[in-house]
Amino acid sequence: MRDRHWDQLSAQLGFRLHPDKNFTLAAAESMGLLSHLEVITKVADVAGKEYAIEQVGSYTRKDRLQAALRCTACERTGGVAPRHRARWAVDMSLAGNLQPC
């Protein structure tokens, strides 16, 4: 979870909760976190979904950029196969700063 999730959880619980590497289940139990499972679950679910979206977005951008770079290198040497030209045009427009030669 990111800091914003811990901040949100802390606000909803009414006390500060920012676990560090020394945080244990015994500490969680002594803080009474078991009685707040519904709140914790909601925030954790949102955090997990946001993380999944970030990972997919990161992979997609990285994949497109790598494809654009490969096609740019091929274009410079004249080696782009016709089946890659349409993909190259799409990838170039999505890559942002990259421009065709």
PDB file of N, CA and C in Angstrom:
ATOM      1  N   MET A   1       0.848  -1.178   0.000  1.00  0.00           N
ATOM      2  CA  MET A   1       0.000   0.000   0.000  1.00  0.00           C
ATOM      3  C   MET A   1       0.888   1.233   0.000  1.00  0.00           C
ATOM      4  N   ARG A   2       0.413   2.268  -0.626  1.00  0.00           N
ATOM      5  CA  ARG A   2       1.138   3.531  -0.680  1.00  0.00           C
ATOM      6  C   ARG A   2       0.813   4.361   0.566  1.00  0.00           C
ATOM      7  N   ASP A   3       1.613   5.400   0.796  1.00  0.00           N
ATOM      8  CA  ASP A   3       1.401   6.250   1.974  1.00  0.00           C
ATOM      9  C   ASP A   3      -0.011   6.822   2.021  1.00  0.00           C
ATOM     10  N   ARG A   4      -0.559   7.172   0.846  1.00  0.00           N
ATOM     11  CA  ARG A   4      -1.912   7.752   0.843  1.00  0.00           C
ATOM     12  C   ARG A   4      -2.941   6.764   1.389  1.00  0.00           C
ATOM     13  N   HIS A   5      -2.716   5.473   1.161  1.00  0.00           N
ATOM     14  CA  HIS A   5      -3.646   4.469   1.679  1.00  0.00           C
ATOM     15  C   HIS A   5      -3.523   4.358   3.199  1.00  0.00           C
ATOM     16  N   TRP A   6      -2.300   4.407   3.691  1.00  0.00           N
ATOM     17  CA  TRP A   6      -2.102   4.358   5.140  1.00  0.00           C
ATOM     18  C   TRP A   6      -2.686   5.606   5.795  1.00  0.00           C
ATOM     19  N   ASP A   7      -2.534   6.772   5.124  1.00  0.00           N
ATOM     20  CA  ASP A   7      -3.120   8.013   5.651  1.00  0.00           C
ATOM     21  C   ASP A   7      -4.643   7.908   5.703  1.00  0.00           C
ATOM     22  N   GLN A   8      -5.236   7.372   4.643  1.00  0.00           N
ATOM     23  CA  GLN A   8      -6.684   7.203   4.593  1.00  0.00           C
ATOM     24  C   GLN A   8      -7.142   6.240   5.685  1.00  0.00           C
ATOM     25  N   LEU A   9      -6.418   5.156   5.833  1.00  0.00           N
ATOM     26  CA  LEU A   9      -6.753   4.173   6.862  1.00  0.00           C
ATOM     27  C   LEU A   9      -6.622   4.782   8.259  1.00  0.00           C
ATOM     28  N   SER A  10      -5.562   5.519   8.469  1.00  0.00           N
ATOM     29  CA  SER A  10      -5.362   6.179   9.771  1.00  0.00           C
ATOM     30  C   SER A  10      -6.516   7.124  10.086  1.00  0.00           C
ATOM     31  N   ALA A  11      -6.938   7.903   9.084  1.00  0.00           N
ATOM     32  CA  ALA A  11      -8.040   8.850   9.284  1.00  0.00           C
ATOM     33  C   ALA A  11      -9.339   8.114   9.626  1.00  0.00           C
ATOM     34  N   GLN A  12      -9.594   7.016   8.943  1.00  0.00           N
ATOM     35  CA  GLN A  12     -10.831   6.271   9.186  1.00  0.00           C
ATOM     36  C   GLN A  12     -10.810   5.523  10.521  1.00  0.00           C
ATOM     37  N   LEU A  13      -9.618   5.090  10.933  1.00  0.00           N
ATOM     38  CA  LEU A  13      -9.500   4.361  12.202  1.00  0.00           C
ATOM     39  C   LEU A  13      -9.467   5.295  13.402  1.00  0.00           C
ATOM     40  N   GLY A  14      -9.015   6.523  13.187  1.00  0.00           N
ATOM     41  CA  GLY A  14      -8.932   7.473  14.281  1.00  0.00           C
ATOM     42  C   GLY A  14      -7.610   7.430  15.027  1.00  0.00           C
ATOM     43  N   PHE A  15      -6.645   6.688  14.504  1.00  0.00           N
ATOM     44  CA  PHE A  15      -5.296   6.672  15.066  1.00  0.00           C
ATOM     45  C   PHE A  15      -4.304   6.389  13.944  1.00  0.00           C
ATOM     46  N   ARG A  16      -3.056   6.777  14.197  1.00  0.00           N
ATOM     47  CA  ARG A  16      -2.026   6.643  13.159  1.00  0.00           C
ATOM     48  C   ARG A  16      -1.652   5.175  12.963  1.00  0.00           C
ATOM     49  N   LEU A  17      -1.671   4.760  11.705  1.00  0.00           N
ATOM     50  CA  LEU A  17      -1.268   3.400  11.360  1.00  0.00           C
ATOM     51  C   LEU A  17      -0.380   3.461  10.118  1.00  0.00           C
ATOM     52  N   HIS A  18       0.907   3.408  10.343  1.00  0.00           N
ATOM     53  CA  HIS A  18       1.909   3.368   9.269  1.00  0.00           C
ATOM     54  C   HIS A  18       2.947   2.314   9.673  1.00  0.00           C
ATOM     55  N   PRO A  19       2.641   1.030   9.436  1.00  0.00           N
ATOM     56  CA  PRO A  19       3.541  -0.037   9.878  1.00  0.00           C
ATOM     57  C   PRO A  19       4.926   0.063   9.240  1.00  0.00           C
ATOM     58  N   ASP A  20       5.919  -0.326  10.013  1.00  0.00           N
ATOM     59  CA  ASP A  20       7.286  -0.397   9.490  1.00  0.00           C
ATOM     60  C   ASP A  20       7.716  -1.862   9.474  1.00  0.00           C
ATOM     61  N   LYS A  21       8.997  -2.093   9.240  1.00  0.00           N
ATOM     62  CA  LYS A  21       9.481  -3.476   9.124  1.00  0.00           C
ATOM     63  C   LYS A  21       9.387  -4.249  10.440  1.00  0.00           C
ATOM     64  N   ASN A  22       9.222  -3.566  11.554  1.00  0.00           N
ATOM     65  CA  ASN A  22       9.137  -4.228  12.859  1.00  0.00           C
ATOM     66  C   ASN A  22       7.693  -4.512  13.284  1.00  0.00           C
ATOM     67  N   PHE A  23       6.727  -4.139  12.459  1.00  0.00           N
ATOM     68  CA  PHE A  23       5.319  -4.343  12.781  1.00  0.00           C
ATOM     69  C   PHE A  23       4.994  -5.833  12.759  1.00  0.00           C
ATOM     70  N   THR A  24       4.315  -6.310  13.774  1.00  0.00           N
ATOM     71  CA  THR A  24       3.996  -7.733  13.888  1.00  0.00           C
ATOM     72  C   THR A  24       2.482  -7.935  14.033  1.00  0.00           C
ATOM     73  N   LEU A  25       2.061  -9.170  13.885  1.00  0.00           N
ATOM     74  CA  LEU A  25       0.657  -9.491  14.116  1.00  0.00           C
ATOM     75  C   LEU A  25       0.263  -9.242  15.564  1.00  0.00           C
ATOM     76  N   ALA A  26       1.198  -9.460  16.465  1.00  0.00           N
ATOM     77  CA  ALA A  26       0.921  -9.189  17.877  1.00  0.00           C
ATOM     78  C   ALA A  26       0.652  -7.698  18.083  1.00  0.00           C
ATOM     79  N   ALA A  27       1.405  -6.852  17.393  1.00  0.00           N
ATOM     80  CA  ALA A  27       1.178  -5.410  17.488  1.00  0.00           C
ATOM     81  C   ALA A  27      -0.184  -5.046  16.907  1.00  0.00           C
ATOM     82  N   ALA A  28      -0.537  -5.673  15.794  1.00  0.00           N
ATOM     83  CA  ALA A  28      -1.847  -5.425  15.174  1.00  0.00           C
ATOM     84  C   ALA A  28      -2.968  -5.819  16.129  1.00  0.00           C
ATOM     85  N   GLU A  29      -2.777  -6.944  16.790  1.00  0.00           N
ATOM     86  CA  GLU A  29      -3.795  -7.403  17.741  1.00  0.00           C
ATOM     87  C   GLU A  29      -3.894  -6.464  18.939  1.00  0.00           C
ATOM     88  N   SER A  30      -2.751  -6.011  19.426  1.00  0.00           N
ATOM     89  CA  SER A  30      -2.777  -5.114  20.585  1.00  0.00           C
ATOM     90  C   SER A  30      -3.380  -3.749  20.240  1.00  0.00           C
ATOM     91  N   MET A  31      -3.336  -3.372  18.971  1.00  0.00           N
ATOM     92  CA  MET A  31      -3.944  -2.106  18.533  1.00  0.00           C
ATOM     93  C   MET A  31      -5.439  -2.266  18.303  1.00  0.00           C
ATOM     94  N   GLY A  32      -5.940  -3.485  18.353  1.00  0.00           N
ATOM     95  CA  GLY A  32      -7.363  -3.739  18.154  1.00  0.00           C
ATOM     96  C   GLY A  32      -7.777  -3.691  16.689  1.00  0.00           C
ATOM     97  N   LEU A  33      -6.851  -3.984  15.776  1.00  0.00           N
ATOM     98  CA  LEU A  33      -7.159  -3.909  14.353  1.00  0.00           C
ATOM     99  C   LEU A  33      -8.176  -4.947  13.895  1.00  0.00           C
ATOM    100  N   LEU A  34      -8.286  -6.045  14.626  1.00  0.00           N
ATOM    101  CA  LEU A  34      -9.257  -7.073  14.243  1.00  0.00           C
ATOM    102  C   LEU A  34     -10.693  -6.556  14.279  1.00  0.00           C
ATOM    103  N   SER A  35     -10.940  -5.581  15.113  1.00  0.00           N
ATOM    104  CA  SER A  35     -12.300  -5.026  15.197  1.00  0.00           C
ATOM    105  C   SER A  35     -12.568  -4.025  14.073  1.00  0.00           C
ATOM    106  N   HIS A  36     -11.561  -3.746  13.252  1.00  0.00           N
ATOM    107  CA  HIS A  36     -11.698  -2.787  12.146  1.00  0.00           C
ATOM    108  C   HIS A  36     -11.478  -3.455  10.786  1.00  0.00           C
ATOM    109  N   LEU A  37     -11.720  -4.747  10.700  1.00  0.00           N
ATOM    110  CA  LEU A  37     -11.431  -5.482   9.470  1.00  0.00           C
ATOM    111  C   LEU A  37     -12.197  -4.955   8.253  1.00  0.00           C
ATOM    112  N   GLU A  38     -13.422  -4.506   8.435  1.00  0.00           N
ATOM    113  CA  GLU A  38     -14.196  -4.013   7.297  1.00  0.00           C
ATOM    114  C   GLU A  38     -13.547  -2.776   6.686  1.00  0.00           C
ATOM    115  N   VAL A  39     -13.141  -1.837   7.516  1.00  0.00           N
ATOM    116  CA  VAL A  39     -12.478  -0.609   7.038  1.00  0.00           C
ATOM    117  C   VAL A  39     -11.143  -0.958   6.387  1.00  0.00           C
ATOM    118  N   ILE A  40     -10.374  -1.798   7.033  1.00  0.00           N
ATOM    119  CA  ILE A  40      -9.057  -2.187   6.520  1.00  0.00           C
ATOM    120  C   ILE A  40      -9.200  -2.902   5.179  1.00  0.00           C
ATOM    121  N   THR A  41     -10.174  -3.782   5.077  1.00  0.00           N
ATOM    122  CA  THR A  41     -10.389  -4.536   3.846  1.00  0.00           C
ATOM    123  C   THR A  41     -10.755  -3.620   2.689  1.00  0.00           C
ATOM    124  N   LYS A  42     -11.620  -2.632   2.938  1.00  0.00           N
ATOM    125  CA  LYS A  42     -12.027  -1.706   1.873  1.00  0.00           C
ATOM    126  C   LYS A  42     -10.837  -0.922   1.340  1.00  0.00           C
ATOM    127  N   VAL A  43     -10.021  -0.380   2.234  1.00  0.00           N
ATOM    128  CA  VAL A  43      -8.864   0.410   1.810  1.00  0.00           C
ATOM    129  C   VAL A  43      -7.850  -0.489   1.102  1.00  0.00           C
ATOM    130  N   ALA A  44      -7.622  -1.677   1.634  1.00  0.00           N
ATOM    131  CA  ALA A  44      -6.672  -2.606   1.022  1.00  0.00           C
ATOM    132  C   ALA A  44      -7.145  -3.061  -0.362  1.00  0.00           C
ATOM    133  N   ASP A  45      -8.444  -3.266  -0.541  1.00  0.00           N
ATOM    134  CA  ASP A  45      -8.985  -3.644  -1.848  1.00  0.00           C
ATOM    135  C   ASP A  45      -8.743  -2.544  -2.881  1.00  0.00           C
ATOM    136  N   VAL A  46      -9.009  -1.309  -2.485  1.00  0.00           N
ATOM    137  CA  VAL A  46      -8.772  -0.178  -3.384  1.00  0.00           C
ATOM    138  C   VAL A  46      -7.292  -0.090  -3.737  1.00  0.00           C
ATOM    139  N   ALA A  47      -6.436  -0.230  -2.733  1.00  0.00           N
ATOM    140  CA  ALA A  47      -4.990  -0.162  -2.966  1.00  0.00           C
ATOM    141  C   ALA A  47      -4.543  -1.264  -3.927  1.00  0.00           C
ATOM    142  N   GLY A  48      -5.064  -2.453  -3.754  1.00  0.00           N
ATOM    143  CA  GLY A  48      -4.709  -3.566  -4.634  1.00  0.00           C
ATOM    144  C   GLY A  48      -5.159  -3.337  -6.065  1.00  0.00           C
ATOM    145  N   LYS A  49      -6.357  -2.788  -6.246  1.00  0.00           N
ATOM    146  CA  LYS A  49      -6.854  -2.506  -7.590  1.00  0.00           C
ATOM    147  C   LYS A  49      -6.045  -1.395  -8.249  1.00  0.00           C
ATOM    148  N   GLU A  50      -5.702  -0.364  -7.485  1.00  0.00           N
ATOM    149  CA  GLU A  50      -4.882   0.713  -8.031  1.00  0.00           C
ATOM    150  C   GLU A  50      -3.518   0.178  -8.457  1.00  0.00           C
ATOM    151  N   TYR A  51      -2.955  -0.694  -7.654  1.00  0.00           N
ATOM    152  CA  TYR A  51      -1.652  -1.277  -7.980  1.00  0.00           C
ATOM    153  C   TYR A  51      -1.738  -2.098  -9.271  1.00  0.00           C
ATOM    154  N   ALA A  52      -2.787  -2.877  -9.408  1.00  0.00           N
ATOM    155  CA  ALA A  52      -2.958  -3.689 -10.615  1.00  0.00           C
ATOM    156  C   ALA A  52      -3.077  -2.804 -11.854  1.00  0.00           C
ATOM    157  N   ILE A  53      -3.824  -1.713 -11.738  1.00  0.00           N
ATOM    158  CA  ILE A  53      -3.976  -0.789 -12.857  1.00  0.00           C
ATOM    159  C   ILE A  53      -2.634  -0.141 -13.198  1.00  0.00           C
ATOM    160  N   GLU A  54      -1.887   0.254 -12.180  1.00  0.00           N
ATOM    161  CA  GLU A  54      -0.566   0.852 -12.406  1.00  0.00           C
ATOM    162  C   GLU A  54       0.356  -0.130 -13.118  1.00  0.00           C
ATOM    163  N   GLN A  55       0.324  -1.387 -12.718  1.00  0.00           N
ATOM    164  CA  GLN A  55       1.197  -2.391 -13.334  1.00  0.00           C
ATOM    165  C   GLN A  55       0.832  -2.632 -14.795  1.00  0.00           C
ATOM    166  N   VAL A  56      -0.456  -2.719 -15.084  1.00  0.00           N
ATOM    167  CA  VAL A  56      -0.888  -2.925 -16.471  1.00  0.00           C
ATOM    168  C   VAL A  56      -0.517  -1.713 -17.308  1.00  0.00           C
ATOM    169  N   GLY A  57      -0.755  -0.523 -16.790  1.00  0.00           N
ATOM    170  CA  GLY A  57      -0.404   0.692 -17.521  1.00  0.00           C
ATOM    171  C   GLY A  57       1.077   0.801 -17.761  1.00  0.00           C
ATOM    172  N   SER A  58       1.870   0.451 -16.766  1.00  0.00           N
ATOM    173  CA  SER A  58       3.324   0.493 -16.899  1.00  0.00           C
ATOM    174  C   SER A  58       3.791  -0.506 -17.939  1.00  0.00           C
ATOM    175  N   TYR A  59       3.241  -1.705 -17.918  1.00  0.00           N
ATOM    176  CA  TYR A  59       3.628  -2.738 -18.879  1.00  0.00           C
ATOM    177  C   TYR A  59       3.244  -2.311 -20.290  1.00  0.00           C
ATOM    178  N   THR A  60       2.039  -1.776 -20.440  1.00  0.00           N
ATOM    179  CA  THR A  60       1.559  -1.378 -21.758  1.00  0.00           C
ATOM    180  C   THR A  60       2.429  -0.271 -22.331  1.00  0.00           C
ATOM    181  N   ARG A  61       2.741   0.757 -21.538  1.00  0.00           N
ATOM    182  CA  ARG A  61       3.596   1.846 -22.023  1.00  0.00           C
ATOM    183  C   ARG A  61       4.971   1.332 -22.373  1.00  0.00           C
ATOM    184  N   LYS A  62       5.525   0.472 -21.520  1.00  0.00           N
ATOM    185  CA  LYS A  62       6.853  -0.076 -21.761  1.00  0.00           C
ATOM    186  C   LYS A  62       6.858  -0.930 -23.030  1.00  0.00           C
ATOM    187  N   ASP A  63       5.841  -1.755 -23.204  1.00  0.00           N
ATOM    188  CA  ASP A  63       5.739  -2.617 -24.380  1.00  0.00           C
ATOM    189  C   ASP A  63       5.654  -1.778 -25.653  1.00  0.00           C
ATOM    190  N   ARG A  64       4.834  -0.746 -25.637  1.00  0.00           N
ATOM    191  CA  ARG A  64       4.685   0.111 -26.816  1.00  0.00           C
ATOM    192  C   ARG A  64       5.979   0.842 -27.128  1.00  0.00           C
ATOM    193  N   LEU A  65       6.637   1.344 -26.106  1.00  0.00           N
ATOM    194  CA  LEU A  65       7.884   2.065 -26.325  1.00  0.00           C
ATOM    195  C   LEU A  65       8.951   1.134 -26.887  1.00  0.00           C
ATOM    196  N   GLN A  66       9.065  -0.082 -26.351  1.00  0.00           N
ATOM    197  CA  GLN A  66      10.049  -1.032 -26.869  1.00  0.00           C
ATOM    198  C   GLN A  66       9.751  -1.386 -28.316  1.00  0.00           C
ATOM    199  N   ALA A  67       8.482  -1.588 -28.641  1.00  0.00           N
ATOM    200  CA  ALA A  67       8.114  -1.902 -30.020  1.00  0.00           C
ATOM    201  C   ALA A  67       8.425  -0.726 -30.933  1.00  0.00           C
ATOM    202  N   ALA A  68       8.154   0.475 -30.457  1.00  0.00           N
ATOM    203  CA  ALA A  68       8.432   1.664 -31.254  1.00  0.00           C
ATOM    204  C   ALA A  68       9.931   1.808 -31.500  1.00  0.00           C
ATOM    205  N   LEU A  69      10.729   1.545 -30.489  1.00  0.00           N
ATOM    206  CA  LEU A  69      12.182   1.647 -30.641  1.00  0.00           C
ATOM    207  C   LEU A  69      12.707   0.589 -31.599  1.00  0.00           C
ATOM    208  N   ARG A  70      12.180  -0.638 -31.490  1.00  0.00           N
ATOM    209  CA  ARG A  70      12.605  -1.706 -32.410  1.00  0.00           C
ATOM    210  C   ARG A  70      12.264  -1.335 -33.843  1.00  0.00           C
ATOM    211  N   CYS A  71      11.053  -0.837 -34.061  1.00  0.00           N
ATOM    212  CA  CYS A  71      10.628  -0.491 -35.409  1.00  0.00           C
ATOM    213  C   CYS A  71      11.394   0.708 -35.946  1.00  0.00           C
ATOM    214  N   THR A  72      11.716   1.659 -35.068  1.00  0.00           N
ATOM    215  CA  THR A  72      12.503   2.813 -35.501  1.00  0.00           C
ATOM    216  C   THR A  72      13.869   2.354 -35.974  1.00  0.00           C
ATOM    217  N   ALA A  73      14.489   1.452 -35.217  1.00  0.00           N
ATOM    218  CA  ALA A  73      15.806   0.940 -35.608  1.00  0.00           C
ATOM    219  C   ALA A  73      15.708   0.194 -36.939  1.00  0.00           C
ATOM    220  N   CYS A  74      14.661  -0.583 -37.137  1.00  0.00           N
ATOM    221  CA  CYS A  74      14.484  -1.310 -38.396  1.00  0.00           C
ATOM    222  C   CYS A  74      14.253  -0.350 -39.543  1.00  0.00           C
ATOM    223  N   GLU A  75      13.463   0.695 -39.305  1.00  0.00           N
ATOM    224  CA  GLU A  75      13.146   1.666 -40.347  1.00  0.00           C
ATOM    225  C   GLU A  75      14.425   2.352 -40.830  1.00  0.00           C
ATOM    226  N   ARG A  76      15.302   2.661 -39.920  1.00  0.00           N
ATOM    227  CA  ARG A  76      16.548   3.335 -40.294  1.00  0.00           C
ATOM    228  C   ARG A  76      17.422   2.456 -41.175  1.00  0.00           C
ATOM    229  N   THR A  77      17.335   1.167 -40.984  1.00  0.00           N
ATOM    230  CA  THR A  77      18.141   0.251 -41.794  1.00  0.00           C
ATOM    231  C   THR A  77      17.359  -0.275 -42.992  1.00  0.00           C
ATOM    232  N   GLY A  78      16.087   0.123 -43.108  1.00  0.00           N
ATOM    233  CA  GLY A  78      15.263  -0.327 -44.226  1.00  0.00           C
ATOM    234  C   GLY A  78      14.736  -1.729 -44.058  1.00  0.00           C
ATOM    235  N   GLY A  79      14.712  -2.233 -42.829  1.00  0.00           N
ATOM    236  CA  GLY A  79      14.331  -3.625 -42.626  1.00  0.00           C
ATOM    237  C   GLY A  79      12.957  -3.851 -42.049  1.00  0.00           C
ATOM    238  N   VAL A  80      12.061  -2.879 -42.109  1.00  0.00           N
ATOM    239  CA  VAL A  80      10.725  -3.081 -41.546  1.00  0.00           C
ATOM    240  C   VAL A  80       9.896  -3.911 -42.515  1.00  0.00           C
ATOM    241  N   ALA A  81       9.375  -4.997 -42.028  1.00  0.00           N
ATOM    242  CA  ALA A  81       8.518  -5.853 -42.856  1.00  0.00           C
ATOM    243  C   ALA A  81       7.156  -5.185 -42.999  1.00  0.00           C
ATOM    244  N   PRO A  82       6.450  -5.366 -44.114  1.00  0.00           N
ATOM    245  CA  PRO A  82       5.145  -4.716 -44.324  1.00  0.00           C
ATOM    246  C   PRO A  82       4.155  -4.970 -43.192  1.00  0.00           C
ATOM    247  N   ARG A  83       4.163  -6.153 -42.595  1.00  0.00           N
ATOM    248  CA  ARG A  83       3.198  -6.431 -41.522  1.00  0.00           C
ATOM    249  C   ARG A  83       3.469  -5.603 -40.278  1.00  0.00           C
ATOM    250  N   HIS A  84       4.658  -5.030 -40.158  1.00  0.00           N
ATOM    251  CA  HIS A  84       4.993  -4.217 -38.993  1.00  0.00           C
ATOM    252  C   HIS A  84       4.724  -2.736 -39.225  1.00  0.00           C
ATOM    253  N   ARG A  85       4.526  -2.307 -40.454  1.00  0.00           N
ATOM    254  CA  ARG A  85       4.381  -0.876 -40.742  1.00  0.00           C
ATOM    255  C   ARG A  85       3.158  -0.275 -40.038  1.00  0.00           C
ATOM    256  N   ALA A  86       2.023  -0.946 -40.065  1.00  0.00           N
ATOM    257  CA  ALA A  86       0.832  -0.406 -39.408  1.00  0.00           C
ATOM    258  C   ALA A  86       1.060  -0.321 -37.905  1.00  0.00           C
ATOM    259  N   ARG A  87       1.636  -1.348 -37.344  1.00  0.00           N
ATOM    260  CA  ARG A  87       1.923  -1.347 -35.901  1.00  0.00           C
ATOM    261  C   ARG A  87       2.902  -0.232 -35.584  1.00  0.00           C
ATOM    262  N   TRP A  88       3.902  -0.049 -36.464  1.00  0.00           N
ATOM    263  CA  TRP A  88       4.915   0.979 -36.246  1.00  0.00           C
ATOM    264  C   TRP A  88       4.268   2.355 -36.190  1.00  0.00           C
ATOM    265  N   ALA A  89       3.326   2.623 -37.082  1.00  0.00           N
ATOM    266  CA  ALA A  89       2.664   3.924 -37.109  1.00  0.00           C
ATOM    267  C   ALA A  89       1.881   4.156 -35.824  1.00  0.00           C
ATOM    268  N   VAL A  90       1.175   3.132 -35.341  1.00  0.00           N
ATOM    269  CA  VAL A  90       0.420   3.260 -34.103  1.00  0.00           C
ATOM    270  C   VAL A  90       1.362   3.455 -32.932  1.00  0.00           C
ATOM    271  N   ASP A  91       2.411   2.636 -32.863  1.00  0.00           N
ATOM    272  CA  ASP A  91       3.349   2.735 -31.751  1.00  0.00           C
ATOM    273  C   ASP A  91       4.055   4.078 -31.737  1.00  0.00           C
ATOM    274  N   MET A  92       4.365   4.595 -32.894  1.00  0.00           N
ATOM    275  CA  MET A  92       5.051   5.880 -32.946  1.00  0.00           C
ATOM    276  C   MET A  92       4.149   6.984 -32.408  1.00  0.00           C
ATOM    277  N   SER A  93       2.877   6.931 -32.720  1.00  0.00           N
ATOM    278  CA  SER A  93       1.968   7.961 -32.225  1.00  0.00           C
ATOM    279  C   SER A  93       1.774   7.828 -30.719  1.00  0.00           C
ATOM    280  N   LEU A  94       1.846   6.613 -30.190  1.00  0.00           N
ATOM    281  CA  LEU A  94       1.669   6.408 -28.751  1.00  0.00           C
ATOM    282  C   LEU A  94       2.944   6.649 -27.968  1.00  0.00           C
ATOM    283  N   ALA A  95       4.097   6.571 -28.628  1.00  0.00           N
ATOM    284  CA  ALA A  95       5.365   6.721 -27.932  1.00  0.00           C
ATOM    285  C   ALA A  95       5.647   8.166 -27.552  1.00  0.00           C
ATOM    286  N   GLY A  96       4.915   9.110 -28.111  1.00  0.00           N
ATOM    287  CA  GLY A  96       5.063  10.494 -27.694  1.00  0.00           C
ATOM    288  C   GLY A  96       6.222  11.208 -28.355  1.00  0.00           C
ATOM    289  N   ASN A  97       7.393  11.145 -27.743  1.00  0.00           N
ATOM    290  CA  ASN A  97       8.533  11.918 -28.196  1.00  0.00           C
ATOM    291  C   ASN A  97       9.196  11.345 -29.442  1.00  0.00           C
ATOM    292  N   LEU A  98       8.958  10.108 -29.753  1.00  0.00           N
ATOM    293  CA  LEU A  98       9.614   9.500 -30.894  1.00  0.00           C
ATOM    294  C   LEU A  98       8.947   9.947 -32.183  1.00  0.00           C
ATOM    295  N   GLN A  99       9.760  10.241 -33.175  1.00  0.00           N
ATOM    296  CA  GLN A  99       9.247  10.652 -34.473  1.00  0.00           C
ATOM    297  C   GLN A  99       9.849   9.756 -35.535  1.00  0.00           C
ATOM    298  N   PRO A 100       9.096   9.474 -36.618  1.00  0.00           N
ATOM    299  CA  PRO A 100       9.661   8.666 -37.692  1.00  0.00           C
ATOM    300  C   PRO A 100      10.849   9.368 -38.332  1.00  0.00           C
ATOM    301  N   CYS A 101      11.770   8.613 -38.868  1.00  0.00           N
ATOM    302  CA  CYS A 101      12.948   9.183 -39.506  1.00  0.00           C
ATOM    303  C   CYS A 101      12.591   9.917 -40.778  1.00  0.00           C
TER     304      CYS A 101
END
